[in-house]
N, C-alpha and C. Protein backbone atom coordinates (compact mmCIF):
# COMPACT_ATOMS: atom_id res chain seq x y z
N MET A 1 59.71 321.66 37.80
CA MET A 1 58.60 322.79 37.54
C MET A 1 59.10 323.93 38.51
N ASN A 2 58.72 325.16 37.97
CA ASN A 2 58.92 326.21 38.71
C ASN A 2 57.74 326.46 39.82
N THR A 3 58.05 327.02 40.89
CA THR A 3 57.16 327.33 42.04
C THR A 3 56.79 328.97 41.86
N PRO A 4 55.64 329.26 42.36
CA PRO A 4 55.39 330.74 42.39
C PRO A 4 56.40 331.58 42.82
N ASP A 5 57.45 331.17 43.78
CA ASP A 5 58.23 331.92 44.50
C ASP A 5 59.57 332.34 43.43
N ASP A 6 59.61 331.32 42.54
CA ASP A 6 60.89 331.38 41.59
C ASP A 6 60.36 332.01 40.06
N THR A 7 59.15 332.56 39.93
CA THR A 7 58.83 333.03 38.66
C THR A 7 58.30 334.33 38.90
N MET A 8 58.33 335.12 37.66
CA MET A 8 57.74 336.27 37.57
C MET A 8 56.45 336.45 36.80
N LEU A 9 55.55 337.09 37.45
CA LEU A 9 54.17 337.25 36.91
C LEU A 9 54.20 338.51 35.77
N VAL A 10 53.79 338.07 34.57
CA VAL A 10 53.89 339.01 33.39
C VAL A 10 52.47 339.45 33.21
N GLY A 11 52.10 340.65 33.41
CA GLY A 11 50.77 341.08 33.14
C GLY A 11 50.40 341.18 31.68
N ALA A 12 49.20 341.26 31.37
CA ALA A 12 48.60 341.33 30.17
C ALA A 12 49.13 342.48 29.36
N ASP A 13 49.26 343.55 29.84
CA ASP A 13 49.77 344.80 29.22
C ASP A 13 51.19 344.65 28.56
N ALA A 14 51.98 343.96 29.61
CA ALA A 14 53.37 343.76 29.26
C ALA A 14 53.49 342.65 28.06
N LEU A 15 52.74 341.68 28.10
CA LEU A 15 52.55 340.75 26.96
C LEU A 15 52.24 341.23 25.73
N VAL A 16 51.28 342.19 25.70
CA VAL A 16 50.94 342.82 24.40
C VAL A 16 51.96 343.82 24.14
N SER A 17 52.56 344.62 24.96
CA SER A 17 53.64 345.72 24.54
C SER A 17 54.90 344.99 24.12
N LEU A 18 55.18 343.86 24.65
CA LEU A 18 56.43 343.22 24.24
C LEU A 18 56.25 342.30 23.09
N GLN A 19 54.93 342.14 22.59
CA GLN A 19 54.58 341.16 21.46
C GLN A 19 55.02 339.77 21.84
N ILE A 20 54.65 339.48 22.97
CA ILE A 20 55.04 338.01 23.51
C ILE A 20 53.87 337.10 22.83
N ILE A 21 52.63 337.50 22.96
CA ILE A 21 51.57 336.66 22.48
C ILE A 21 50.90 337.19 21.15
N GLN A 22 50.63 338.44 21.12
CA GLN A 22 49.80 339.28 19.97
C GLN A 22 50.82 339.70 19.18
N ALA A 23 50.61 339.31 17.72
CA ALA A 23 51.46 339.83 16.87
C ALA A 23 51.21 341.43 16.46
N GLU A 24 52.18 341.75 15.76
CA GLU A 24 51.93 343.34 15.48
C GLU A 24 51.15 343.67 14.31
N LEU A 25 50.37 344.61 14.35
CA LEU A 25 49.48 345.00 13.22
C LEU A 25 50.18 345.32 12.09
N HIS A 26 49.67 344.98 10.93
CA HIS A 26 50.38 345.41 9.58
C HIS A 26 50.40 346.90 9.53
N PRO A 27 51.54 347.53 9.17
CA PRO A 27 51.76 349.04 9.11
C PRO A 27 50.85 349.59 8.00
N ASN A 28 50.34 348.84 6.98
CA ASN A 28 49.61 349.44 5.88
C ASN A 28 48.18 349.32 6.32
N PRO A 29 47.41 350.56 6.70
CA PRO A 29 46.04 350.52 7.09
C PRO A 29 45.15 349.95 6.13
N HIS A 30 45.57 349.92 4.80
CA HIS A 30 44.52 349.14 4.04
C HIS A 30 44.54 347.66 4.05
N LEU A 31 45.79 347.13 4.33
CA LEU A 31 45.88 345.79 4.57
C LEU A 31 45.24 345.27 6.00
N GLN A 32 45.44 346.29 6.87
CA GLN A 32 45.25 346.10 8.34
C GLN A 32 43.49 345.76 8.41
N TYR A 33 42.70 346.63 7.63
CA TYR A 33 41.20 346.64 7.80
C TYR A 33 40.67 346.00 6.45
N SER A 34 41.39 345.14 5.71
CA SER A 34 40.76 344.69 4.39
C SER A 34 39.81 343.51 4.91
N SER A 35 39.00 343.34 3.80
CA SER A 35 37.75 342.32 4.28
C SER A 35 38.22 340.99 3.74
N ASN A 36 39.30 340.87 3.37
CA ASN A 36 39.80 339.41 2.94
C ASN A 36 39.94 338.51 4.22
N SER A 37 39.92 337.32 4.20
CA SER A 37 40.00 336.42 5.54
C SER A 37 41.38 336.17 5.89
N GLY A 38 42.33 336.64 5.25
CA GLY A 38 43.77 336.67 5.47
C GLY A 38 44.13 337.24 6.89
N SER A 39 45.17 336.84 7.46
CA SER A 39 45.62 337.47 8.62
C SER A 39 45.86 338.94 8.70
N LYS A 40 45.42 339.65 9.66
CA LYS A 40 45.58 341.05 9.79
C LYS A 40 46.80 341.53 10.38
N SER A 41 47.65 340.54 10.70
CA SER A 41 48.85 340.83 11.63
C SER A 41 50.05 340.89 10.63
N LYS A 42 51.10 341.50 11.04
CA LYS A 42 52.36 341.56 10.32
C LYS A 42 52.93 340.35 10.15
N GLU A 43 52.88 339.39 9.38
CA GLU A 43 53.48 338.08 9.38
C GLU A 43 53.41 337.27 10.63
N ASN A 44 52.56 337.55 11.58
CA ASN A 44 52.38 336.89 12.78
C ASN A 44 53.93 336.71 13.68
N LEU A 45 54.31 337.84 13.75
CA LEU A 45 55.82 337.78 14.38
C LEU A 45 55.66 338.03 15.80
N SER A 46 55.04 337.42 16.57
CA SER A 46 54.96 337.44 17.99
C SER A 46 56.14 336.45 18.46
N VAL A 47 56.54 336.73 19.80
CA VAL A 47 57.52 335.65 20.27
C VAL A 47 56.98 334.22 20.45
N TYR A 48 55.69 334.21 20.84
CA TYR A 48 55.17 332.95 20.98
C TYR A 48 54.90 332.35 19.43
N GLY A 49 54.33 333.10 18.54
CA GLY A 49 54.29 332.62 17.19
C GLY A 49 55.59 332.12 16.63
N LEU A 50 56.76 332.85 16.76
CA LEU A 50 57.82 332.22 16.32
C LEU A 50 58.46 331.05 16.94
N LEU A 51 58.22 330.99 18.19
CA LEU A 51 58.71 329.90 18.97
C LEU A 51 57.79 328.61 18.93
N GLN A 52 56.61 328.94 18.64
CA GLN A 52 55.66 327.85 18.69
C GLN A 52 55.92 326.65 17.52
N ALA A 53 56.49 327.26 16.60
CA ALA A 53 56.70 326.40 15.35
C ALA A 53 57.82 325.33 15.66
N LEU A 54 58.61 325.54 16.86
CA LEU A 54 59.61 324.63 17.20
C LEU A 54 59.14 323.78 18.28
N ALA A 55 57.99 323.93 18.64
CA ALA A 55 57.38 322.88 19.66
C ALA A 55 56.66 322.06 18.92
N CYS A 56 57.18 320.49 19.22
CA CYS A 56 56.54 319.53 18.30
C CYS A 56 55.19 318.89 19.07
N THR A 57 55.18 318.94 20.29
CA THR A 57 54.07 318.30 20.95
C THR A 57 53.02 319.19 21.69
N ALA A 58 51.90 318.76 21.96
CA ALA A 58 50.93 319.60 22.93
C ALA A 58 51.67 319.90 24.10
N GLN A 59 52.25 318.90 24.67
CA GLN A 59 52.94 319.42 26.01
C GLN A 59 53.93 320.36 25.64
N GLY A 60 54.74 320.29 24.76
CA GLY A 60 55.76 321.34 24.55
C GLY A 60 55.18 322.77 24.26
N LYS A 61 54.05 322.79 23.58
CA LYS A 61 53.37 324.10 23.15
C LYS A 61 52.88 324.69 24.56
N LEU A 62 52.14 323.74 25.38
CA LEU A 62 51.81 324.35 26.72
C LEU A 62 52.88 324.88 27.59
N ARG A 63 54.02 324.04 27.69
CA ARG A 63 55.10 324.51 28.49
C ARG A 63 55.87 325.85 27.92
N LEU A 64 55.89 325.87 26.65
CA LEU A 64 56.34 327.19 26.19
C LEU A 64 55.47 328.39 26.55
N ARG A 65 54.30 328.24 26.45
CA ARG A 65 53.19 329.20 26.86
C ARG A 65 53.48 329.41 28.38
N GLN A 66 53.68 328.43 29.17
CA GLN A 66 53.87 328.57 30.61
C GLN A 66 55.19 329.35 30.84
N MET A 67 56.20 329.01 30.12
CA MET A 67 57.44 329.67 30.26
C MET A 67 57.29 331.19 29.92
N LEU A 68 56.68 331.57 28.87
CA LEU A 68 56.44 333.00 28.47
C LEU A 68 55.57 333.91 29.45
N PHE A 69 54.46 333.06 30.01
CA PHE A 69 53.68 333.75 30.92
C PHE A 69 54.26 334.11 32.21
N HIS A 70 55.12 333.01 32.68
CA HIS A 70 55.67 333.00 34.05
C HIS A 70 57.13 332.72 33.88
N PRO A 71 57.91 333.70 33.37
CA PRO A 71 59.40 333.30 33.29
C PRO A 71 59.89 333.14 34.74
N THR A 72 60.98 332.38 34.49
CA THR A 72 61.62 331.99 35.99
C THR A 72 62.61 332.99 36.26
N THR A 73 62.78 333.37 37.62
CA THR A 73 63.74 334.31 38.13
C THR A 73 65.05 333.50 38.63
N GLU A 74 65.03 332.30 38.67
CA GLU A 74 66.06 331.45 39.18
C GLU A 74 67.12 331.46 38.22
N ILE A 75 68.27 332.08 38.73
CA ILE A 75 69.65 332.27 37.88
C ILE A 75 70.31 330.88 37.49
N GLY A 76 70.02 329.91 38.35
CA GLY A 76 70.67 328.42 38.06
C GLY A 76 69.71 327.87 37.01
N THR A 77 68.41 328.07 36.96
CA THR A 77 67.57 327.44 35.98
C THR A 77 67.82 328.05 34.62
N ILE A 78 68.15 329.39 34.67
CA ILE A 78 68.32 330.19 33.30
C ILE A 78 69.69 329.67 32.81
N LYS A 79 70.71 329.51 33.62
CA LYS A 79 71.98 329.02 33.21
C LYS A 79 72.01 327.66 32.55
N SER A 80 71.11 326.78 33.38
CA SER A 80 71.15 325.39 32.80
C SER A 80 70.43 325.30 31.43
N ARG A 81 69.33 326.17 31.32
CA ARG A 81 68.55 326.18 29.94
C ARG A 81 69.57 326.62 28.91
N GLN A 82 70.39 327.71 29.19
CA GLN A 82 71.29 328.24 28.24
C GLN A 82 72.40 327.14 27.66
N GLN A 83 72.89 326.40 28.86
CA GLN A 83 73.82 325.53 28.64
C GLN A 83 73.22 324.27 27.84
N ALA A 84 71.94 323.95 27.95
CA ALA A 84 71.34 322.73 27.23
C ALA A 84 71.26 323.34 25.69
N ILE A 85 70.85 324.70 25.43
CA ILE A 85 70.92 325.16 24.28
C ILE A 85 72.12 325.08 23.50
N SER A 86 73.20 325.51 24.31
CA SER A 86 74.42 325.46 23.67
C SER A 86 74.92 324.14 23.06
N VAL A 87 74.49 323.09 23.92
CA VAL A 87 74.98 321.74 23.68
C VAL A 87 74.11 321.33 22.21
N LEU A 88 72.63 321.70 22.17
CA LEU A 88 71.96 321.35 21.01
C LEU A 88 72.26 322.14 19.77
N LEU A 89 73.02 323.22 19.98
CA LEU A 89 73.39 324.01 18.78
C LEU A 89 74.67 323.71 18.35
N ARG A 90 75.61 322.72 18.97
CA ARG A 90 76.88 322.34 18.45
C ARG A 90 76.48 321.56 16.91
N PRO A 91 77.44 321.87 16.00
CA PRO A 91 77.42 321.28 14.90
C PRO A 91 77.49 319.65 14.97
N GLU A 92 78.16 319.26 15.84
CA GLU A 92 78.29 317.85 15.96
C GLU A 92 77.27 317.16 16.42
N ASN A 93 76.23 317.95 17.08
CA ASN A 93 75.03 317.30 17.48
C ASN A 93 73.84 317.46 16.66
N GLU A 94 74.06 318.06 15.49
CA GLU A 94 72.93 318.45 14.66
C GLU A 94 72.13 317.21 14.27
N GLU A 95 72.76 316.05 13.90
CA GLU A 95 71.93 314.82 13.63
C GLU A 95 71.21 314.33 14.55
N ILE A 96 71.80 314.32 15.81
CA ILE A 96 71.04 313.72 17.05
C ILE A 96 69.80 314.56 17.38
N VAL A 97 70.07 315.91 17.14
CA VAL A 97 68.77 316.80 17.40
C VAL A 97 67.74 316.62 16.36
N VAL A 98 68.19 316.48 15.12
CA VAL A 98 67.15 316.36 14.12
C VAL A 98 66.35 314.88 14.36
N ALA A 99 67.16 313.94 14.68
CA ALA A 99 66.37 312.69 14.92
C ALA A 99 65.63 312.69 16.26
N THR A 100 65.94 313.50 17.22
CA THR A 100 65.07 313.68 18.40
C THR A 100 63.86 314.46 18.24
N ARG A 101 63.85 315.55 17.25
CA ARG A 101 62.67 316.28 16.73
C ARG A 101 61.75 315.36 16.15
N LYS A 102 62.26 314.37 15.25
CA LYS A 102 61.47 313.52 14.52
C LYS A 102 60.71 312.60 15.52
N LEU A 103 61.41 312.16 16.51
CA LEU A 103 60.89 311.31 17.64
C LEU A 103 59.83 312.21 18.31
N LEU A 104 60.10 313.20 18.76
CA LEU A 104 59.12 314.05 19.51
C LEU A 104 57.73 314.11 18.71
N ARG A 105 57.99 314.38 17.37
CA ARG A 105 56.73 314.50 16.52
C ARG A 105 55.75 313.36 16.69
N LYS A 106 56.44 312.30 17.02
CA LYS A 106 55.53 310.91 17.09
C LYS A 106 54.80 310.86 18.39
N VAL A 107 55.16 311.74 19.46
CA VAL A 107 54.36 311.74 20.53
C VAL A 107 53.11 312.42 20.41
N LYS A 108 52.08 311.70 21.05
CA LYS A 108 50.80 312.59 20.94
C LYS A 108 50.47 313.09 22.38
N ASN A 109 49.31 313.53 22.66
CA ASN A 109 48.95 314.25 23.91
C ASN A 109 48.79 313.13 24.91
N THR A 110 49.92 312.94 25.62
CA THR A 110 49.96 311.88 26.76
C THR A 110 49.19 312.21 27.95
N LYS A 111 48.83 313.48 28.15
CA LYS A 111 48.18 313.89 29.39
C LYS A 111 46.77 313.31 29.27
N SER A 112 46.19 313.51 28.01
CA SER A 112 44.67 312.71 27.95
C SER A 112 44.79 311.37 28.12
N LEU A 113 45.88 310.82 27.50
CA LEU A 113 45.98 309.26 27.66
C LEU A 113 45.96 308.68 29.07
N LEU A 114 46.81 309.49 29.73
CA LEU A 114 47.06 309.06 31.22
C LEU A 114 45.90 309.32 31.96
N ARG A 115 45.07 310.35 31.66
CA ARG A 115 43.76 310.39 32.40
C ARG A 115 42.90 309.20 32.21
N TYR A 116 42.79 308.58 30.88
CA TYR A 116 42.04 307.39 30.65
C TYR A 116 42.78 306.10 31.53
N VAL A 117 44.03 306.18 31.45
CA VAL A 117 44.64 305.02 32.12
C VAL A 117 44.26 305.10 33.95
N ARG A 118 44.37 306.42 34.38
CA ARG A 118 43.92 306.58 35.75
C ARG A 118 42.58 306.18 35.97
N MET A 119 41.69 306.35 35.08
CA MET A 119 40.27 305.82 35.23
C MET A 119 40.07 304.38 35.50
N GLY A 120 40.90 303.79 34.73
CA GLY A 120 41.05 302.15 34.94
C GLY A 120 39.70 301.62 34.28
N VAL A 121 39.08 300.76 35.24
CA VAL A 121 38.05 300.10 34.62
C VAL A 121 36.66 300.61 35.08
N ASP A 122 35.75 300.68 33.97
CA ASP A 122 34.47 301.12 34.09
C ASP A 122 33.55 300.14 35.08
N ARG A 123 33.37 300.45 36.27
CA ARG A 123 32.64 299.54 37.29
C ARG A 123 31.40 299.16 36.89
N ILE A 124 30.63 300.02 36.10
CA ILE A 124 29.23 299.77 35.86
C ILE A 124 29.28 298.61 34.73
N ARG A 125 29.86 298.94 33.63
CA ARG A 125 30.00 298.06 32.51
C ARG A 125 31.12 296.91 32.72
N GLY A 126 31.96 297.10 33.48
CA GLY A 126 33.13 296.09 33.78
C GLY A 126 33.93 296.21 32.50
N GLN A 127 34.18 297.42 31.78
CA GLN A 127 34.93 297.67 30.64
C GLN A 127 36.16 298.51 30.81
N LEU A 128 37.11 298.28 30.09
CA LEU A 128 38.21 299.27 30.26
C LEU A 128 37.88 300.72 29.71
N SER A 129 38.29 301.82 30.53
CA SER A 129 37.97 303.20 29.98
C SER A 129 38.83 303.68 28.86
N ILE A 130 39.75 302.80 28.65
CA ILE A 130 40.73 303.25 27.51
C ILE A 130 40.56 302.34 26.23
N ARG A 131 40.49 302.91 25.24
CA ARG A 131 40.37 302.16 23.92
C ARG A 131 41.55 301.46 23.41
N THR A 132 41.58 300.59 22.45
CA THR A 132 42.69 299.92 21.98
C THR A 132 43.62 300.86 21.23
N GLY A 133 43.16 301.78 20.60
CA GLY A 133 43.94 302.95 19.81
C GLY A 133 44.82 303.87 20.84
N GLU A 134 44.15 303.97 21.90
CA GLU A 134 44.98 304.83 22.99
C GLU A 134 46.03 303.92 23.67
N TRP A 135 45.77 302.58 23.68
CA TRP A 135 46.74 301.77 24.33
C TRP A 135 48.03 301.77 23.39
N ARG A 136 47.69 301.88 21.95
CA ARG A 136 48.82 301.93 21.01
C ARG A 136 49.64 303.20 21.20
N ALA A 137 48.84 304.36 21.35
CA ALA A 137 49.43 305.48 21.49
C ALA A 137 50.44 305.69 22.78
N LEU A 138 49.83 304.99 23.70
CA LEU A 138 50.60 304.89 25.07
C LEU A 138 51.68 304.01 24.83
N LEU A 139 51.72 302.98 24.18
CA LEU A 139 52.85 302.00 23.99
C LEU A 139 53.92 302.75 23.03
N ARG A 140 53.39 303.60 21.91
CA ARG A 140 54.33 304.22 21.16
C ARG A 140 54.99 305.33 22.02
N PHE A 141 54.36 305.85 22.88
CA PHE A 141 54.88 307.03 23.74
C PHE A 141 56.04 306.47 24.60
N VAL A 142 55.99 305.18 25.16
CA VAL A 142 56.86 304.53 26.02
C VAL A 142 58.24 304.19 25.07
N ILE A 143 57.77 303.83 23.90
CA ILE A 143 59.06 303.27 22.87
C ILE A 143 59.69 304.54 22.65
N VAL A 144 58.96 305.58 22.14
CA VAL A 144 59.63 306.82 21.76
C VAL A 144 60.33 307.53 22.74
N SER A 145 59.91 307.39 24.08
CA SER A 145 60.47 307.92 25.33
C SER A 145 61.90 307.36 25.39
N VAL A 146 61.94 306.10 25.22
CA VAL A 146 63.31 305.25 25.40
C VAL A 146 64.19 305.67 24.35
N GLU A 147 63.56 305.76 23.17
CA GLU A 147 64.62 306.19 22.11
C GLU A 147 65.14 307.54 22.33
N ILE A 148 64.17 308.58 22.68
CA ILE A 148 64.72 309.97 23.13
C ILE A 148 65.85 309.89 24.30
N ARG A 149 65.57 309.02 25.11
CA ARG A 149 66.46 308.89 26.40
C ARG A 149 67.81 308.56 25.79
N GLU A 150 67.97 307.68 24.95
CA GLU A 150 69.12 307.16 24.27
C GLU A 150 69.91 308.26 23.49
N ALA A 151 69.04 308.96 22.73
CA ALA A 151 69.57 309.93 21.90
C ALA A 151 70.19 311.07 22.69
N ILE A 152 69.48 311.44 23.82
CA ILE A 152 69.93 312.46 24.58
C ILE A 152 71.39 311.90 25.28
N ARG A 153 71.31 310.73 25.65
CA ARG A 153 72.46 310.26 26.40
C ARG A 153 73.69 310.34 25.32
N SER A 154 73.49 310.00 24.07
CA SER A 154 74.52 310.03 23.05
C SER A 154 75.09 311.62 22.77
N LEU A 155 74.23 312.58 23.41
CA LEU A 155 74.83 313.92 23.32
C LEU A 155 76.01 314.04 24.16
């Protein structure tokens, strides 16, 4: 994780000006202010809107948002990210990348699951604070994590 020392704070004006978060309004004023319930933006072409489609998990979308709001200034981190992207874009790795994306789609919001696990046993009722379905989701996360690790090793 980045620390405040190696990140740049991007202000709200810069985020809007660079269309990082907010999409550009449609150039046709009639479509911009039409009364239909459709989107008033020009195809929702913000940087976050374009990249969000590539994030498969809730954690991925949150991390993407953090990376756009607080981009790193560490040249080593930037170079390692570029190197990782170049490895993922190689044609011989396409099959592994597709399989990894499918695995990532199976991962649910583990942050909330782990919160229940940390709660442990309800001391008043003597019951577990986590339900059976959440245990299954946690077990699925562990299994998928091992499969993702093996896929990444094969890269």
